[in-house]
Amino acid sequence: MADMTAPRIFGDPYETPDGTTVIPVHRPVGVFAVRDGQAKWEPAVDATRVALLGVGVGLVAAALTGIAMVHRPPWPDLRGRR
């Protein structure tokens, strides 16, 4: 008999209508899909979200760099006058 209090990493497998057996992984990283005797790892990563996050970070970095290059610093100019 299995110890029901022990943490499990893999969930109970289930079969989809097209005959694929899906084995969920309880940490949100993905699932194993078994079709025609071949196991394939399907990661739970949304590529669109990752790409949009990269674009957003790039835009914020570009905007802050532009502001820093145009804006005069709040401290006095220490170069001296000639």
N, C-alpha and C. Protein backbone atom coordinates (compact mmCIF):
# COMPACT_ATOMS: atom_id res chain seq x y z
N MET A 1 0.85 -1.19 0.00
CA MET A 1 0.00 0.00 0.00
C MET A 1 0.88 1.24 0.00
N ALA A 2 0.56 2.21 -0.80
CA ALA A 2 1.34 3.43 -0.92
C ALA A 2 1.09 4.34 0.27
N ASP A 3 2.12 5.07 0.64
CA ASP A 3 2.00 6.04 1.73
C ASP A 3 1.31 7.28 1.19
N MET A 4 0.10 7.56 1.62
CA MET A 4 -0.68 8.68 1.10
C MET A 4 -0.23 10.02 1.66
N THR A 5 0.62 10.02 2.70
CA THR A 5 1.10 11.29 3.25
C THR A 5 2.39 11.75 2.60
N ALA A 6 3.04 10.88 1.86
CA ALA A 6 4.30 11.26 1.20
C ALA A 6 3.99 12.18 0.02
N PRO A 7 4.82 13.19 -0.19
CA PRO A 7 4.59 14.09 -1.34
C PRO A 7 4.81 13.35 -2.66
N ARG A 8 3.93 13.61 -3.61
CA ARG A 8 4.02 12.98 -4.92
C ARG A 8 4.41 14.03 -5.95
N ILE A 9 5.27 13.64 -6.85
CA ILE A 9 5.68 14.56 -7.91
C ILE A 9 4.82 14.36 -9.14
N PHE A 10 4.49 13.12 -9.45
CA PHE A 10 3.68 12.81 -10.63
C PHE A 10 2.25 12.52 -10.21
N GLY A 11 1.31 13.04 -10.99
CA GLY A 11 -0.10 12.80 -10.72
C GLY A 11 -0.56 11.50 -11.36
N ASP A 12 -1.83 11.22 -11.21
CA ASP A 12 -2.41 10.02 -11.80
C ASP A 12 -2.53 10.20 -13.31
N PRO A 13 -2.08 9.20 -14.09
CA PRO A 13 -2.19 9.32 -15.54
C PRO A 13 -3.65 9.22 -15.99
N TYR A 14 -3.96 9.90 -17.06
CA TYR A 14 -5.29 9.79 -17.64
C TYR A 14 -5.16 9.79 -19.16
N GLU A 15 -6.16 9.23 -19.81
CA GLU A 15 -6.13 9.10 -21.27
C GLU A 15 -7.11 10.07 -21.90
N THR A 16 -6.64 10.78 -22.93
CA THR A 16 -7.48 11.72 -23.66
C THR A 16 -8.26 10.98 -24.74
N PRO A 17 -9.28 11.61 -25.33
CA PRO A 17 -10.07 10.93 -26.37
C PRO A 17 -9.28 10.49 -27.59
N ASP A 18 -8.14 11.15 -27.89
CA ASP A 18 -7.36 10.74 -29.06
C ASP A 18 -6.36 9.63 -28.75
N GLY A 19 -6.40 9.09 -27.51
CA GLY A 19 -5.54 7.96 -27.16
C GLY A 19 -4.23 8.34 -26.50
N THR A 20 -4.01 9.61 -26.26
CA THR A 20 -2.78 10.06 -25.60
C THR A 20 -2.92 9.90 -24.10
N THR A 21 -1.92 9.32 -23.47
CA THR A 21 -1.89 9.22 -22.01
C THR A 21 -1.12 10.40 -21.47
N VAL A 22 -1.71 11.15 -20.57
CA VAL A 22 -1.09 12.35 -20.00
C VAL A 22 -0.75 12.06 -18.55
N ILE A 23 0.51 12.35 -18.17
CA ILE A 23 0.96 12.19 -16.79
C ILE A 23 1.34 13.57 -16.27
N PRO A 24 0.50 14.18 -15.44
CA PRO A 24 0.81 15.53 -14.96
C PRO A 24 1.93 15.51 -13.91
N VAL A 25 2.69 16.60 -13.89
CA VAL A 25 3.73 16.80 -12.89
C VAL A 25 3.18 17.84 -11.91
N HIS A 26 3.18 17.52 -10.60
CA HIS A 26 2.50 18.36 -9.63
C HIS A 26 3.17 19.70 -9.40
N ARG A 27 4.47 19.83 -9.65
CA ARG A 27 5.06 21.16 -9.64
C ARG A 27 4.80 21.73 -11.02
N PRO A 28 4.39 22.99 -11.15
CA PRO A 28 3.92 23.50 -12.45
C PRO A 28 5.04 23.67 -13.48
N VAL A 29 5.56 22.55 -13.95
CA VAL A 29 6.61 22.61 -14.95
C VAL A 29 6.20 21.97 -16.26
N GLY A 30 5.18 21.10 -16.27
CA GLY A 30 4.73 20.51 -17.51
C GLY A 30 4.09 19.15 -17.31
N VAL A 31 3.95 18.41 -18.42
CA VAL A 31 3.37 17.07 -18.39
C VAL A 31 4.15 16.16 -19.32
N PHE A 32 4.07 14.86 -19.05
CA PHE A 32 4.55 13.86 -19.99
C PHE A 32 3.35 13.38 -20.78
N ALA A 33 3.45 13.39 -22.10
CA ALA A 33 2.39 12.88 -22.96
C ALA A 33 2.93 11.63 -23.65
N VAL A 34 2.21 10.50 -23.50
CA VAL A 34 2.62 9.24 -24.11
C VAL A 34 1.64 8.93 -25.23
N ARG A 35 2.16 8.89 -26.45
CA ARG A 35 1.33 8.59 -27.62
C ARG A 35 2.06 7.57 -28.48
N ASP A 36 1.39 6.52 -28.82
CA ASP A 36 1.96 5.44 -29.65
C ASP A 36 3.25 4.89 -29.05
N GLY A 37 3.31 4.79 -27.73
CA GLY A 37 4.48 4.23 -27.06
C GLY A 37 5.65 5.20 -26.93
N GLN A 38 5.51 6.42 -27.39
CA GLN A 38 6.57 7.41 -27.31
C GLN A 38 6.20 8.47 -26.28
N ALA A 39 7.09 8.72 -25.32
CA ALA A 39 6.85 9.74 -24.30
C ALA A 39 7.45 11.06 -24.77
N LYS A 40 6.70 12.13 -24.60
CA LYS A 40 7.16 13.46 -24.99
C LYS A 40 6.90 14.42 -23.85
N TRP A 41 7.90 15.22 -23.50
CA TRP A 41 7.78 16.22 -22.43
C TRP A 41 7.16 17.47 -23.01
N GLU A 42 6.10 17.96 -22.39
CA GLU A 42 5.42 19.20 -22.79
C GLU A 42 5.59 20.21 -21.66
N PRO A 43 6.50 21.18 -21.80
CA PRO A 43 6.69 22.16 -20.73
C PRO A 43 5.50 23.10 -20.60
N ALA A 44 5.26 23.54 -19.39
CA ALA A 44 4.15 24.47 -19.13
C ALA A 44 4.68 25.90 -19.16
N VAL A 45 5.21 26.29 -20.31
CA VAL A 45 5.76 27.63 -20.49
C VAL A 45 4.98 28.31 -21.60
N ASP A 46 4.52 29.51 -21.33
CA ASP A 46 3.82 30.28 -22.34
C ASP A 46 4.85 31.15 -23.06
N ALA A 47 5.25 30.75 -24.26
CA ALA A 47 6.30 31.45 -25.00
C ALA A 47 5.90 32.89 -25.32
N THR A 48 4.62 33.13 -25.55
CA THR A 48 4.17 34.49 -25.85
C THR A 48 4.37 35.39 -24.65
N ARG A 49 4.06 34.91 -23.46
CA ARG A 49 4.24 35.71 -22.26
C ARG A 49 5.72 36.02 -22.01
N VAL A 50 6.59 35.04 -22.24
CA VAL A 50 8.02 35.25 -22.06
C VAL A 50 8.52 36.29 -23.06
N ALA A 51 8.08 36.21 -24.31
CA ALA A 51 8.50 37.17 -25.33
C ALA A 51 8.01 38.58 -25.02
N LEU A 52 6.76 38.71 -24.60
CA LEU A 52 6.23 40.02 -24.25
C LEU A 52 6.94 40.62 -23.05
N LEU A 53 7.30 39.78 -22.09
CA LEU A 53 8.06 40.26 -20.94
C LEU A 53 9.42 40.80 -21.38
N GLY A 54 10.08 40.10 -22.30
CA GLY A 54 11.37 40.57 -22.81
C GLY A 54 11.25 41.89 -23.54
N VAL A 55 10.23 42.03 -24.36
CA VAL A 55 10.00 43.28 -25.08
C VAL A 55 9.71 44.41 -24.10
N GLY A 56 8.88 44.15 -23.10
CA GLY A 56 8.56 45.17 -22.10
C GLY A 56 9.78 45.64 -21.33
N VAL A 57 10.62 44.70 -20.91
CA VAL A 57 11.83 45.07 -20.18
C VAL A 57 12.76 45.89 -21.08
N GLY A 58 12.85 45.51 -22.35
CA GLY A 58 13.68 46.28 -23.28
C GLY A 58 13.18 47.70 -23.48
N LEU A 59 11.86 47.86 -23.61
CA LEU A 59 11.30 49.20 -23.78
C LEU A 59 11.51 50.07 -22.55
N VAL A 60 11.33 49.50 -21.38
CA VAL A 60 11.56 50.26 -20.14
C VAL A 60 13.03 50.65 -20.03
N ALA A 61 13.93 49.73 -20.34
CA ALA A 61 15.36 50.04 -20.27
C ALA A 61 15.73 51.14 -21.27
N ALA A 62 15.19 51.08 -22.48
CA ALA A 62 15.48 52.10 -23.48
C ALA A 62 14.93 53.47 -23.05
N ALA A 63 13.73 53.48 -22.47
CA ALA A 63 13.15 54.74 -22.02
C ALA A 63 13.95 55.34 -20.87
N LEU A 64 14.34 54.53 -19.92
CA LEU A 64 15.13 55.05 -18.79
C LEU A 64 16.51 55.53 -19.24
N THR A 65 17.11 54.83 -20.19
CA THR A 65 18.40 55.27 -20.73
C THR A 65 18.27 56.60 -21.45
N GLY A 66 17.21 56.75 -22.24
CA GLY A 66 16.99 58.02 -22.94
C GLY A 66 16.76 59.17 -21.99
N ILE A 67 15.99 58.94 -20.94
CA ILE A 67 15.75 59.98 -19.94
C ILE A 67 17.04 60.35 -19.23
N ALA A 68 17.85 59.33 -18.90
CA ALA A 68 19.12 59.60 -18.20
C ALA A 68 20.09 60.38 -19.08
N MET A 69 20.05 60.17 -20.38
CA MET A 69 20.97 60.88 -21.27
C MET A 69 20.54 62.32 -21.50
N VAL A 70 19.27 62.60 -21.46
CA VAL A 70 18.76 63.94 -21.73
C VAL A 70 18.69 64.79 -20.46
N HIS A 71 18.36 64.16 -19.35
CA HIS A 71 18.15 64.88 -18.09
C HIS A 71 19.47 65.30 -17.47
N ARG A 72 19.55 66.55 -17.02
CA ARG A 72 20.75 67.03 -16.35
C ARG A 72 20.73 66.49 -14.92
N PRO A 73 21.87 66.03 -14.42
CA PRO A 73 21.90 65.48 -13.06
C PRO A 73 21.61 66.55 -12.02
N PRO A 74 21.06 66.17 -10.86
CA PRO A 74 20.69 67.15 -9.84
C PRO A 74 21.87 67.72 -9.07
N TRP A 75 23.07 67.14 -9.18
CA TRP A 75 24.22 67.68 -8.46
C TRP A 75 24.91 68.76 -9.29
N PRO A 76 25.69 69.63 -8.64
CA PRO A 76 26.33 70.75 -9.37
C PRO A 76 27.43 70.25 -10.31
N ASP A 77 27.71 71.08 -11.30
CA ASP A 77 28.76 70.77 -12.26
C ASP A 77 30.11 71.05 -11.60
N LEU A 78 30.96 70.04 -11.46
CA LEU A 78 32.23 70.17 -10.76
C LEU A 78 33.41 70.33 -11.71
N ARG A 79 33.17 70.52 -12.97
CA ARG A 79 34.26 70.65 -13.93
C ARG A 79 34.96 72.01 -13.85
N GLY A 80 34.29 72.97 -13.33
CA GLY A 80 34.87 74.31 -13.27
C GLY A 80 34.68 75.06 -14.56
N ARG A 81 34.83 76.39 -14.49
CA ARG A 81 34.63 77.21 -15.69
C ARG A 81 35.95 77.81 -16.12
N ARG A 82 36.16 77.95 -17.41
CA ARG A 82 37.40 78.54 -17.93
C ARG A 82 37.16 79.84 -18.58
